[in-house]
Amino acid sequence: SGKVNLAVSVEGAEIGPPDSGAMHIHVYVDDSDQYEVVTATETTVSVPNGDHTVRVVLAQPNHEETQISDEVTFSVSAAAGGAGDEGGGYGGGYG
């Protein structure tokens, strides 16, 4: 499996823990209906080797999702000689 760096850019909203009243990000991997709550603009996502899609959705403090979202498709594969993993990075904009 690989760890993929995920970075998002959000304009016009404070990102932080939901209990602080701040907006946050729901991160979906592939076709899962389960999300990870992310309270910062940078995180890592663990995925096995292969092709993946990560979708991010800006969410209200009560976890109600907004219509602001983006997604990226990438591939994770073992490095030559099996000496580790390589992953794609992601940068998206919200405003």
N, C-alpha and C. Protein backbone atom coordinates (compact mmCIF):
# COMPACT_ATOMS: atom_id res chain seq x y z
N SER A 1 0.85 -1.18 0.00
CA SER A 1 0.00 0.00 0.00
C SER A 1 0.88 1.23 0.00
N GLY A 2 0.28 2.34 -0.34
CA GLY A 2 1.03 3.59 -0.39
C GLY A 2 0.33 4.68 0.37
N LYS A 3 1.11 5.66 0.74
CA LYS A 3 0.56 6.86 1.37
C LYS A 3 0.66 7.98 0.36
N VAL A 4 -0.47 8.58 0.09
CA VAL A 4 -0.56 9.65 -0.89
C VAL A 4 -0.78 10.96 -0.15
N ASN A 5 0.01 11.96 -0.48
CA ASN A 5 -0.17 13.27 0.12
C ASN A 5 -1.37 13.95 -0.51
N LEU A 6 -2.19 14.53 0.33
CA LEU A 6 -3.39 15.23 -0.12
C LEU A 6 -3.34 16.64 0.42
N ALA A 7 -3.41 17.62 -0.49
CA ALA A 7 -3.41 19.02 -0.09
C ALA A 7 -4.55 19.71 -0.83
N VAL A 8 -5.35 20.47 -0.09
CA VAL A 8 -6.44 21.23 -0.69
C VAL A 8 -6.27 22.70 -0.34
N SER A 9 -6.81 23.54 -1.19
CA SER A 9 -6.80 24.96 -0.96
C SER A 9 -8.25 25.41 -0.83
N VAL A 10 -8.54 26.05 0.27
CA VAL A 10 -9.92 26.48 0.54
C VAL A 10 -9.91 27.99 0.77
N GLU A 11 -10.74 28.69 0.00
CA GLU A 11 -10.86 30.14 0.17
C GLU A 11 -12.23 30.47 0.72
N GLY A 12 -12.28 31.38 1.66
CA GLY A 12 -13.55 31.86 2.19
C GLY A 12 -14.16 30.99 3.27
N ALA A 13 -13.40 30.03 3.79
CA ALA A 13 -13.90 29.18 4.87
C ALA A 13 -12.74 28.81 5.77
N GLU A 14 -13.00 28.83 7.07
CA GLU A 14 -12.00 28.39 8.04
C GLU A 14 -12.10 26.87 8.16
N ILE A 15 -10.97 26.17 8.04
CA ILE A 15 -10.94 24.72 8.17
C ILE A 15 -10.40 24.37 9.55
N GLY A 16 -11.12 23.47 10.24
CA GLY A 16 -10.70 23.06 11.57
C GLY A 16 -11.64 22.01 12.11
N PRO A 17 -11.52 21.68 13.39
CA PRO A 17 -12.38 20.67 13.99
C PRO A 17 -13.85 21.10 13.97
N PRO A 18 -14.76 20.17 13.64
CA PRO A 18 -16.18 20.51 13.60
C PRO A 18 -16.70 21.08 14.91
N ASP A 19 -16.19 20.59 16.05
CA ASP A 19 -16.70 21.07 17.34
C ASP A 19 -16.26 22.50 17.65
N SER A 20 -15.34 23.03 16.83
CA SER A 20 -14.92 24.43 17.01
C SER A 20 -15.79 25.38 16.20
N GLY A 21 -16.72 24.81 15.40
CA GLY A 21 -17.56 25.63 14.55
C GLY A 21 -16.97 25.88 13.18
N ALA A 22 -15.82 25.28 12.90
CA ALA A 22 -15.15 25.47 11.61
C ALA A 22 -15.64 24.45 10.58
N MET A 23 -15.50 24.79 9.32
CA MET A 23 -15.76 23.85 8.24
C MET A 23 -14.66 22.79 8.27
N HIS A 24 -14.90 21.67 7.61
CA HIS A 24 -13.91 20.63 7.50
C HIS A 24 -14.09 19.92 6.16
N ILE A 25 -13.29 18.91 5.91
CA ILE A 25 -13.31 18.24 4.61
C ILE A 25 -13.64 16.76 4.82
N HIS A 26 -14.56 16.24 4.00
CA HIS A 26 -14.83 14.80 3.95
C HIS A 26 -14.02 14.24 2.79
N VAL A 27 -13.23 13.20 3.06
CA VAL A 27 -12.40 12.58 2.04
C VAL A 27 -12.92 11.17 1.77
N TYR A 28 -13.30 10.92 0.53
CA TYR A 28 -13.79 9.62 0.09
C TYR A 28 -12.73 8.97 -0.80
N VAL A 29 -12.45 7.70 -0.59
CA VAL A 29 -11.51 6.98 -1.43
C VAL A 29 -12.27 5.98 -2.28
N ASP A 30 -12.05 6.04 -3.58
CA ASP A 30 -12.70 5.19 -4.56
C ASP A 30 -14.22 5.31 -4.44
N ASP A 31 -14.95 4.22 -4.50
CA ASP A 31 -16.41 4.28 -4.49
C ASP A 31 -17.02 4.14 -3.10
N SER A 32 -16.20 4.30 -2.06
CA SER A 32 -16.69 4.13 -0.69
C SER A 32 -17.71 5.21 -0.33
N ASP A 33 -18.71 4.81 0.45
CA ASP A 33 -19.64 5.81 0.97
C ASP A 33 -19.21 6.25 2.38
N GLN A 34 -18.10 5.72 2.85
CA GLN A 34 -17.52 6.12 4.13
C GLN A 34 -16.47 7.19 3.86
N TYR A 35 -16.42 8.20 4.72
CA TYR A 35 -15.46 9.26 4.54
C TYR A 35 -14.59 9.42 5.76
N GLU A 36 -13.44 10.05 5.55
CA GLU A 36 -12.55 10.43 6.64
C GLU A 36 -12.73 11.93 6.85
N VAL A 37 -12.87 12.35 8.09
CA VAL A 37 -12.98 13.77 8.42
C VAL A 37 -11.56 14.33 8.51
N VAL A 38 -11.30 15.36 7.72
CA VAL A 38 -10.00 16.01 7.71
C VAL A 38 -10.19 17.46 8.15
N THR A 39 -9.41 17.86 9.15
CA THR A 39 -9.58 19.19 9.75
C THR A 39 -8.41 20.12 9.44
N ALA A 40 -7.63 19.76 8.42
CA ALA A 40 -6.51 20.58 7.98
C ALA A 40 -6.47 20.52 6.45
N THR A 41 -5.70 21.40 5.85
CA THR A 41 -5.64 21.42 4.39
C THR A 41 -4.59 20.46 3.83
N GLU A 42 -3.85 19.77 4.70
CA GLU A 42 -2.90 18.75 4.26
C GLU A 42 -3.04 17.51 5.12
N THR A 43 -3.01 16.33 4.46
CA THR A 43 -3.09 15.06 5.16
C THR A 43 -2.50 13.99 4.26
N THR A 44 -2.50 12.75 4.70
CA THR A 44 -2.12 11.64 3.85
C THR A 44 -3.28 10.65 3.81
N VAL A 45 -3.37 9.97 2.68
CA VAL A 45 -4.41 8.96 2.48
C VAL A 45 -3.69 7.65 2.18
N SER A 46 -4.01 6.58 2.91
CA SER A 46 -3.41 5.27 2.67
C SER A 46 -4.26 4.49 1.68
N VAL A 47 -3.61 4.01 0.63
CA VAL A 47 -4.30 3.23 -0.39
C VAL A 47 -3.37 2.10 -0.85
N PRO A 48 -3.94 0.98 -1.28
CA PRO A 48 -3.11 -0.09 -1.84
C PRO A 48 -2.65 0.27 -3.25
N ASN A 49 -1.72 -0.51 -3.78
CA ASN A 49 -1.28 -0.30 -5.16
C ASN A 49 -2.47 -0.40 -6.09
N GLY A 50 -2.45 0.37 -7.15
CA GLY A 50 -3.51 0.34 -8.15
C GLY A 50 -4.04 1.73 -8.44
N ASP A 51 -5.11 1.76 -9.23
CA ASP A 51 -5.74 3.03 -9.61
C ASP A 51 -6.78 3.43 -8.57
N HIS A 52 -6.83 4.70 -8.25
CA HIS A 52 -7.73 5.20 -7.21
C HIS A 52 -8.30 6.55 -7.59
N THR A 53 -9.45 6.86 -7.00
CA THR A 53 -10.05 8.18 -7.09
C THR A 53 -10.28 8.67 -5.67
N VAL A 54 -9.83 9.88 -5.39
CA VAL A 54 -10.10 10.52 -4.11
C VAL A 54 -11.00 11.71 -4.38
N ARG A 55 -12.10 11.77 -3.64
CA ARG A 55 -13.05 12.89 -3.75
C ARG A 55 -13.06 13.63 -2.43
N VAL A 56 -12.99 14.95 -2.48
CA VAL A 56 -13.05 15.78 -1.29
C VAL A 56 -14.30 16.66 -1.37
N VAL A 57 -14.97 16.81 -0.22
CA VAL A 57 -16.19 17.61 -0.15
C VAL A 57 -16.07 18.54 1.06
N LEU A 58 -16.31 19.81 0.86
CA LEU A 58 -16.33 20.77 1.96
C LEU A 58 -17.60 20.55 2.77
N ALA A 59 -17.46 20.42 4.09
CA ALA A 59 -18.60 20.11 4.96
C ALA A 59 -18.76 21.15 6.06
N GLN A 60 -20.02 21.36 6.45
CA GLN A 60 -20.37 22.25 7.55
C GLN A 60 -19.95 21.61 8.88
N PRO A 61 -19.88 22.38 9.96
CA PRO A 61 -19.53 21.80 11.26
C PRO A 61 -20.44 20.63 11.68
N ASN A 62 -21.69 20.61 11.22
CA ASN A 62 -22.61 19.52 11.57
C ASN A 62 -22.49 18.34 10.60
N HIS A 63 -21.47 18.34 9.77
CA HIS A 63 -21.16 17.30 8.77
C HIS A 63 -22.07 17.35 7.55
N GLU A 64 -22.97 18.33 7.45
CA GLU A 64 -23.76 18.48 6.23
C GLU A 64 -22.82 18.93 5.12
N GLU A 65 -22.81 18.18 4.02
CA GLU A 65 -21.91 18.47 2.93
C GLU A 65 -22.42 19.62 2.08
N THR A 66 -21.49 20.46 1.64
CA THR A 66 -21.81 21.54 0.72
C THR A 66 -21.74 20.98 -0.71
N GLN A 67 -22.00 21.82 -1.67
CA GLN A 67 -21.91 21.42 -3.07
C GLN A 67 -20.49 21.64 -3.61
N ILE A 68 -19.59 22.06 -2.75
CA ILE A 68 -18.22 22.31 -3.17
C ILE A 68 -17.41 21.03 -3.01
N SER A 69 -16.95 20.50 -4.15
CA SER A 69 -16.18 19.26 -4.12
C SER A 69 -15.24 19.21 -5.31
N ASP A 70 -14.33 18.27 -5.25
CA ASP A 70 -13.40 18.03 -6.34
C ASP A 70 -12.89 16.61 -6.19
N GLU A 71 -12.33 16.06 -7.27
CA GLU A 71 -11.77 14.73 -7.20
C GLU A 71 -10.56 14.61 -8.11
N VAL A 72 -9.73 13.62 -7.83
CA VAL A 72 -8.55 13.35 -8.63
C VAL A 72 -8.40 11.83 -8.73
N THR A 73 -7.94 11.38 -9.90
CA THR A 73 -7.66 9.96 -10.12
C THR A 73 -6.15 9.81 -10.28
N PHE A 74 -5.59 8.77 -9.67
CA PHE A 74 -4.14 8.56 -9.70
C PHE A 74 -3.85 7.09 -9.55
N SER A 75 -2.59 6.72 -9.74
CA SER A 75 -2.16 5.33 -9.63
C SER A 75 -1.03 5.24 -8.61
N VAL A 76 -1.06 4.19 -7.80
CA VAL A 76 0.00 3.93 -6.84
C VAL A 76 0.63 2.60 -7.24
N SER A 77 1.97 2.58 -7.32
CA SER A 77 2.66 1.34 -7.68
C SER A 77 3.94 1.22 -6.88
N ALA A 78 4.41 -0.02 -6.74
CA ALA A 78 5.67 -0.27 -6.04
C ALA A 78 6.81 0.32 -6.85
N ALA A 79 7.78 0.88 -6.19
CA ALA A 79 8.94 1.44 -6.87
C ALA A 79 9.80 0.30 -7.42
N ALA A 80 10.66 0.59 -8.36
CA ALA A 80 11.54 -0.42 -8.96
C ALA A 80 12.32 -1.13 -7.87
N GLY A 81 12.38 -2.46 -7.95
CA GLY A 81 13.11 -3.23 -6.95
C GLY A 81 12.33 -3.43 -5.67
N GLY A 82 11.09 -2.95 -5.62
CA GLY A 82 10.27 -3.13 -4.42
C GLY A 82 10.76 -2.33 -3.24
N ALA A 83 11.48 -1.27 -3.50
CA ALA A 83 12.08 -0.49 -2.41
C ALA A 83 11.17 0.61 -1.91
N GLY A 84 9.90 0.42 -1.98
CA GLY A 84 9.00 1.43 -1.44
C GLY A 84 7.84 1.69 -2.36
N ASP A 85 7.08 2.69 -2.02
CA ASP A 85 5.90 3.05 -2.80
C ASP A 85 6.05 4.46 -3.31
N GLU A 86 5.38 4.74 -4.39
CA GLU A 86 5.32 6.12 -4.85
C GLU A 86 3.86 6.48 -4.99
N GLY A 87 3.54 7.70 -4.67
CA GLY A 87 2.14 8.10 -4.74
C GLY A 87 2.02 9.45 -5.42
N GLY A 88 0.84 9.72 -5.89
CA GLY A 88 0.59 11.01 -6.51
C GLY A 88 0.15 12.01 -5.47
N GLY A 89 0.37 13.26 -5.75
CA GLY A 89 -0.09 14.31 -4.86
C GLY A 89 -1.35 14.94 -5.43
N TYR A 90 -2.00 15.75 -4.65
CA TYR A 90 -3.23 16.35 -5.10
C TYR A 90 -3.31 17.77 -4.58
N GLY A 91 -3.72 18.63 -5.41
CA GLY A 91 -4.01 20.00 -4.98
C GLY A 91 -5.27 20.45 -5.65
N GLY A 92 -6.21 20.93 -4.88
CA GLY A 92 -7.48 21.38 -5.45
C GLY A 92 -7.84 22.73 -4.90
N GLY A 93 -8.74 23.41 -5.53
CA GLY A 93 -9.14 24.73 -5.07
C GLY A 93 -10.61 24.79 -4.76
N TYR A 94 -10.93 25.48 -3.70
CA TYR A 94 -12.31 25.68 -3.30
C TYR A 94 -12.51 27.15 -3.08
N GLY A 95 -13.65 27.63 -3.43
CA GLY A 95 -13.88 29.05 -3.19
C GLY A 95 -15.33 29.39 -3.27
